[in-house]
Amino acid sequence: MAFRIVANCTNCWACLPLCPHEAIRAATPHFEIDTARCTECAGDYADPQCASICPVEGAIVDSTGQALNPPGSLTGLSPEFLTLPSTP
């Protein structure tokens, strides 16, 4: 049970101080979550603290690869609207 931070993380530092188990660390090219320390905030908070503050949709994923803040969740825009039309 652990989350991962993926490539679209912007290293904004918002999540780092919120992690109750100090599982998040600065790394290159983006932040990382120490899977041995991450509890997904179970027993500490109702919601994962890293995802609750993350301003980047899709930057934090669960163990199955599902984004905790999927595209459209923070902006209210549907994912279809965010997709650029293809050019002929």
N, C-alpha and C. Protein backbone atom coordinates (compact mmCIF):
# COMPACT_ATOMS: atom_id res chain seq x y z
N MET A 1 0.86 -1.17 0.00
CA MET A 1 0.00 0.00 0.00
C MET A 1 0.90 1.23 0.00
N ALA A 2 0.95 1.92 -1.12
CA ALA A 2 1.73 3.15 -1.22
C ALA A 2 1.38 3.88 -2.50
N PHE A 3 1.53 5.19 -2.45
CA PHE A 3 1.31 6.02 -3.62
C PHE A 3 2.63 6.25 -4.34
N ARG A 4 2.53 6.75 -5.58
CA ARG A 4 3.71 7.13 -6.36
C ARG A 4 3.49 8.52 -6.92
N ILE A 5 4.56 9.24 -7.08
CA ILE A 5 4.52 10.53 -7.76
C ILE A 5 5.11 10.30 -9.14
N VAL A 6 4.39 10.73 -10.18
CA VAL A 6 4.81 10.45 -11.55
C VAL A 6 5.39 11.69 -12.22
N ALA A 7 5.79 11.53 -13.47
CA ALA A 7 6.58 12.53 -14.20
C ALA A 7 5.96 13.91 -14.32
N ASN A 8 4.64 14.04 -14.28
CA ASN A 8 4.09 15.39 -14.43
C ASN A 8 4.13 16.21 -13.15
N CYS A 9 4.73 15.69 -12.09
CA CYS A 9 4.97 16.46 -10.87
C CYS A 9 5.86 17.66 -11.21
N THR A 10 5.51 18.82 -10.68
CA THR A 10 6.28 20.04 -10.97
C THR A 10 7.23 20.42 -9.83
N ASN A 11 7.37 19.56 -8.84
CA ASN A 11 8.22 19.85 -7.68
C ASN A 11 7.84 21.18 -7.02
N CYS A 12 6.55 21.37 -6.79
CA CYS A 12 6.08 22.63 -6.22
C CYS A 12 6.26 22.69 -4.70
N TRP A 13 6.57 21.59 -4.08
CA TRP A 13 6.82 21.47 -2.64
C TRP A 13 5.56 21.51 -1.78
N ALA A 14 4.38 21.56 -2.35
CA ALA A 14 3.16 21.64 -1.56
C ALA A 14 2.95 20.40 -0.69
N CYS A 15 3.25 19.22 -1.22
CA CYS A 15 2.97 17.97 -0.50
C CYS A 15 3.99 17.65 0.59
N LEU A 16 5.20 18.08 0.40
CA LEU A 16 6.30 17.66 1.28
C LEU A 16 6.01 17.87 2.77
N PRO A 17 5.60 19.06 3.21
CA PRO A 17 5.39 19.26 4.65
C PRO A 17 4.12 18.61 5.20
N LEU A 18 3.21 18.17 4.33
CA LEU A 18 1.95 17.59 4.80
C LEU A 18 2.01 16.11 5.10
N CYS A 19 2.98 15.40 4.59
CA CYS A 19 3.04 13.96 4.79
C CYS A 19 3.32 13.63 6.26
N PRO A 20 2.39 12.94 6.93
CA PRO A 20 2.57 12.66 8.36
C PRO A 20 3.69 11.68 8.66
N HIS A 21 4.16 10.95 7.64
CA HIS A 21 5.22 9.96 7.87
C HIS A 21 6.51 10.31 7.15
N GLU A 22 6.58 11.55 6.64
CA GLU A 22 7.77 12.03 5.94
C GLU A 22 8.21 11.06 4.85
N ALA A 23 7.21 10.55 4.09
CA ALA A 23 7.49 9.59 3.03
C ALA A 23 7.86 10.26 1.72
N ILE A 24 7.62 11.56 1.60
CA ILE A 24 7.91 12.27 0.36
C ILE A 24 9.28 12.91 0.46
N ARG A 25 10.05 12.79 -0.63
CA ARG A 25 11.37 13.39 -0.63
C ARG A 25 11.63 14.07 -1.98
N ALA A 26 12.40 15.12 -1.93
CA ALA A 26 12.79 15.82 -3.15
C ALA A 26 13.76 14.94 -3.92
N ALA A 27 13.54 14.83 -5.20
CA ALA A 27 14.39 14.02 -6.06
C ALA A 27 14.37 14.62 -7.46
N THR A 28 15.22 14.12 -8.31
CA THR A 28 15.29 14.59 -9.69
C THR A 28 14.82 13.45 -10.59
N PRO A 29 13.97 13.65 -11.52
CA PRO A 29 13.44 14.91 -12.01
C PRO A 29 12.18 15.37 -11.28
N HIS A 30 11.58 14.53 -10.44
CA HIS A 30 10.39 14.92 -9.68
C HIS A 30 10.43 14.27 -8.31
N PHE A 31 9.57 14.74 -7.42
CA PHE A 31 9.54 14.19 -6.07
C PHE A 31 9.24 12.69 -6.10
N GLU A 32 9.58 12.00 -5.02
CA GLU A 32 9.34 10.57 -4.90
C GLU A 32 8.68 10.27 -3.57
N ILE A 33 7.97 9.14 -3.52
CA ILE A 33 7.37 8.67 -2.28
C ILE A 33 8.08 7.39 -1.87
N ASP A 34 8.57 7.36 -0.66
CA ASP A 34 9.21 6.16 -0.11
C ASP A 34 8.10 5.17 0.22
N THR A 35 8.01 4.09 -0.54
CA THR A 35 6.92 3.14 -0.37
C THR A 35 6.94 2.44 0.98
N ALA A 36 8.09 2.37 1.60
CA ALA A 36 8.18 1.74 2.92
C ALA A 36 7.57 2.62 4.01
N ARG A 37 7.51 3.92 3.76
CA ARG A 37 6.99 4.85 4.76
C ARG A 37 5.56 5.30 4.49
N CYS A 38 5.12 5.20 3.22
CA CYS A 38 3.78 5.68 2.85
C CYS A 38 2.70 4.74 3.37
N THR A 39 1.76 5.29 4.11
CA THR A 39 0.61 4.53 4.62
C THR A 39 -0.68 4.95 3.95
N GLU A 40 -0.57 5.83 2.94
CA GLU A 40 -1.73 6.43 2.28
C GLU A 40 -2.57 7.21 3.28
N CYS A 41 -1.96 7.60 4.38
CA CYS A 41 -2.57 8.36 5.47
C CYS A 41 -3.65 7.57 6.21
N ALA A 42 -3.73 6.27 5.98
CA ALA A 42 -4.71 5.43 6.67
C ALA A 42 -4.48 5.51 8.17
N GLY A 43 -5.54 5.78 8.89
CA GLY A 43 -5.46 5.89 10.34
C GLY A 43 -5.05 7.27 10.83
N ASP A 44 -4.55 8.12 9.94
CA ASP A 44 -4.15 9.47 10.32
C ASP A 44 -5.13 10.53 9.83
N TYR A 45 -5.57 10.39 8.59
CA TYR A 45 -6.46 11.36 7.97
C TYR A 45 -7.50 10.65 7.12
N ALA A 46 -8.62 11.29 6.89
CA ALA A 46 -9.67 10.71 6.05
C ALA A 46 -9.24 10.67 4.59
N ASP A 47 -8.45 11.65 4.17
CA ASP A 47 -7.98 11.73 2.78
C ASP A 47 -6.46 11.78 2.76
N PRO A 48 -5.83 11.23 1.72
CA PRO A 48 -4.38 11.33 1.60
C PRO A 48 -3.96 12.80 1.53
N GLN A 49 -3.08 13.20 2.39
CA GLN A 49 -2.69 14.60 2.48
C GLN A 49 -1.95 15.09 1.24
N CYS A 50 -1.12 14.26 0.65
CA CYS A 50 -0.38 14.68 -0.55
C CYS A 50 -1.34 15.00 -1.69
N ALA A 51 -2.34 14.14 -1.88
CA ALA A 51 -3.30 14.36 -2.97
C ALA A 51 -4.24 15.52 -2.67
N SER A 52 -4.52 15.75 -1.39
CA SER A 52 -5.45 16.83 -1.05
C SER A 52 -4.86 18.20 -1.34
N ILE A 53 -3.55 18.33 -1.37
CA ILE A 53 -2.90 19.61 -1.61
C ILE A 53 -2.30 19.72 -3.02
N CYS A 54 -2.10 18.62 -3.70
CA CYS A 54 -1.41 18.61 -4.99
C CYS A 54 -2.19 19.43 -6.03
N PRO A 55 -1.54 20.44 -6.62
CA PRO A 55 -2.21 21.27 -7.63
C PRO A 55 -2.10 20.72 -9.05
N VAL A 56 -1.47 19.56 -9.22
CA VAL A 56 -1.24 19.00 -10.55
C VAL A 56 -2.08 17.74 -10.73
N GLU A 57 -3.02 17.80 -11.66
CA GLU A 57 -3.87 16.63 -11.90
C GLU A 57 -3.03 15.47 -12.43
N GLY A 58 -3.23 14.30 -11.84
CA GLY A 58 -2.56 13.09 -12.31
C GLY A 58 -1.14 12.91 -11.81
N ALA A 59 -0.65 13.77 -10.93
CA ALA A 59 0.75 13.67 -10.48
C ALA A 59 0.96 12.59 -9.43
N ILE A 60 -0.08 12.23 -8.68
CA ILE A 60 0.05 11.21 -7.65
C ILE A 60 -0.92 10.09 -7.99
N VAL A 61 -0.39 8.86 -8.02
CA VAL A 61 -1.20 7.70 -8.37
C VAL A 61 -1.16 6.66 -7.27
N ASP A 62 -2.20 5.82 -7.24
CA ASP A 62 -2.24 4.75 -6.24
C ASP A 62 -1.48 3.52 -6.76
N SER A 63 -1.54 2.45 -6.02
CA SER A 63 -0.77 1.25 -6.38
C SER A 63 -1.24 0.60 -7.68
N THR A 64 -2.45 0.94 -8.14
CA THR A 64 -2.94 0.40 -9.41
C THR A 64 -2.68 1.34 -10.58
N GLY A 65 -2.10 2.51 -10.29
CA GLY A 65 -1.81 3.47 -11.34
C GLY A 65 -2.91 4.48 -11.58
N GLN A 66 -3.96 4.44 -10.77
CA GLN A 66 -5.06 5.39 -10.91
C GLN A 66 -4.69 6.72 -10.25
N ALA A 67 -4.90 7.81 -10.98
CA ALA A 67 -4.58 9.14 -10.46
C ALA A 67 -5.52 9.49 -9.31
N LEU A 68 -4.95 10.04 -8.24
CA LEU A 68 -5.77 10.47 -7.11
C LEU A 68 -6.50 11.76 -7.44
N ASN A 69 -5.91 12.60 -8.28
CA ASN A 69 -6.55 13.80 -8.82
C ASN A 69 -6.56 13.64 -10.33
N PRO A 70 -7.52 12.89 -10.87
CA PRO A 70 -7.52 12.62 -12.31
C PRO A 70 -7.78 13.88 -13.13
N PRO A 71 -7.44 13.86 -14.41
CA PRO A 71 -7.68 15.02 -15.26
C PRO A 71 -9.12 15.50 -15.16
N GLY A 72 -9.27 16.80 -14.95
CA GLY A 72 -10.59 17.41 -14.81
C GLY A 72 -11.06 17.54 -13.38
N SER A 73 -10.45 16.82 -12.44
CA SER A 73 -10.94 16.84 -11.06
C SER A 73 -10.69 18.17 -10.36
N LEU A 74 -9.63 18.86 -10.72
CA LEU A 74 -9.32 20.13 -10.07
C LEU A 74 -9.87 21.32 -10.83
N THR A 75 -10.02 21.18 -12.13
CA THR A 75 -10.50 22.29 -12.95
C THR A 75 -12.00 22.24 -13.18
N GLY A 76 -12.60 21.06 -13.03
CA GLY A 76 -14.01 20.89 -13.32
C GLY A 76 -14.28 20.68 -14.80
N LEU A 77 -13.22 20.61 -15.61
CA LEU A 77 -13.38 20.38 -17.04
C LEU A 77 -13.36 18.89 -17.32
N SER A 78 -14.16 18.45 -18.26
CA SER A 78 -14.17 17.03 -18.59
C SER A 78 -12.88 16.68 -19.33
N PRO A 79 -12.36 15.46 -19.16
CA PRO A 79 -11.13 15.06 -19.85
C PRO A 79 -11.24 15.20 -21.37
N GLU A 80 -12.43 15.01 -21.94
CA GLU A 80 -12.60 15.16 -23.37
C GLU A 80 -12.32 16.60 -23.81
N PHE A 81 -12.70 17.56 -23.00
CA PHE A 81 -12.47 18.96 -23.31
C PHE A 81 -10.97 19.30 -23.28
N LEU A 82 -10.23 18.59 -22.45
CA LEU A 82 -8.80 18.86 -22.31
C LEU A 82 -7.96 18.27 -23.43
N THR A 83 -8.54 17.38 -24.22
CA THR A 83 -7.82 16.72 -25.31
C THR A 83 -7.83 17.63 -26.54
N LEU A 84 -6.65 17.89 -27.09
CA LEU A 84 -6.55 18.70 -28.28
C LEU A 84 -7.06 17.93 -29.49
N PRO A 85 -7.79 18.60 -30.37
CA PRO A 85 -8.25 17.90 -31.57
C PRO A 85 -7.07 17.55 -32.47
N SER A 86 -7.19 16.44 -33.16
CA SER A 86 -6.12 16.04 -34.08
C SER A 86 -6.22 16.87 -35.35
N THR A 87 -5.08 17.11 -35.95
CA THR A 87 -5.06 17.87 -37.20
C THR A 87 -5.00 16.91 -38.38
N PRO A 88 -5.66 17.27 -39.47
CA PRO A 88 -5.67 16.36 -40.62
C PRO A 88 -4.33 16.29 -41.30
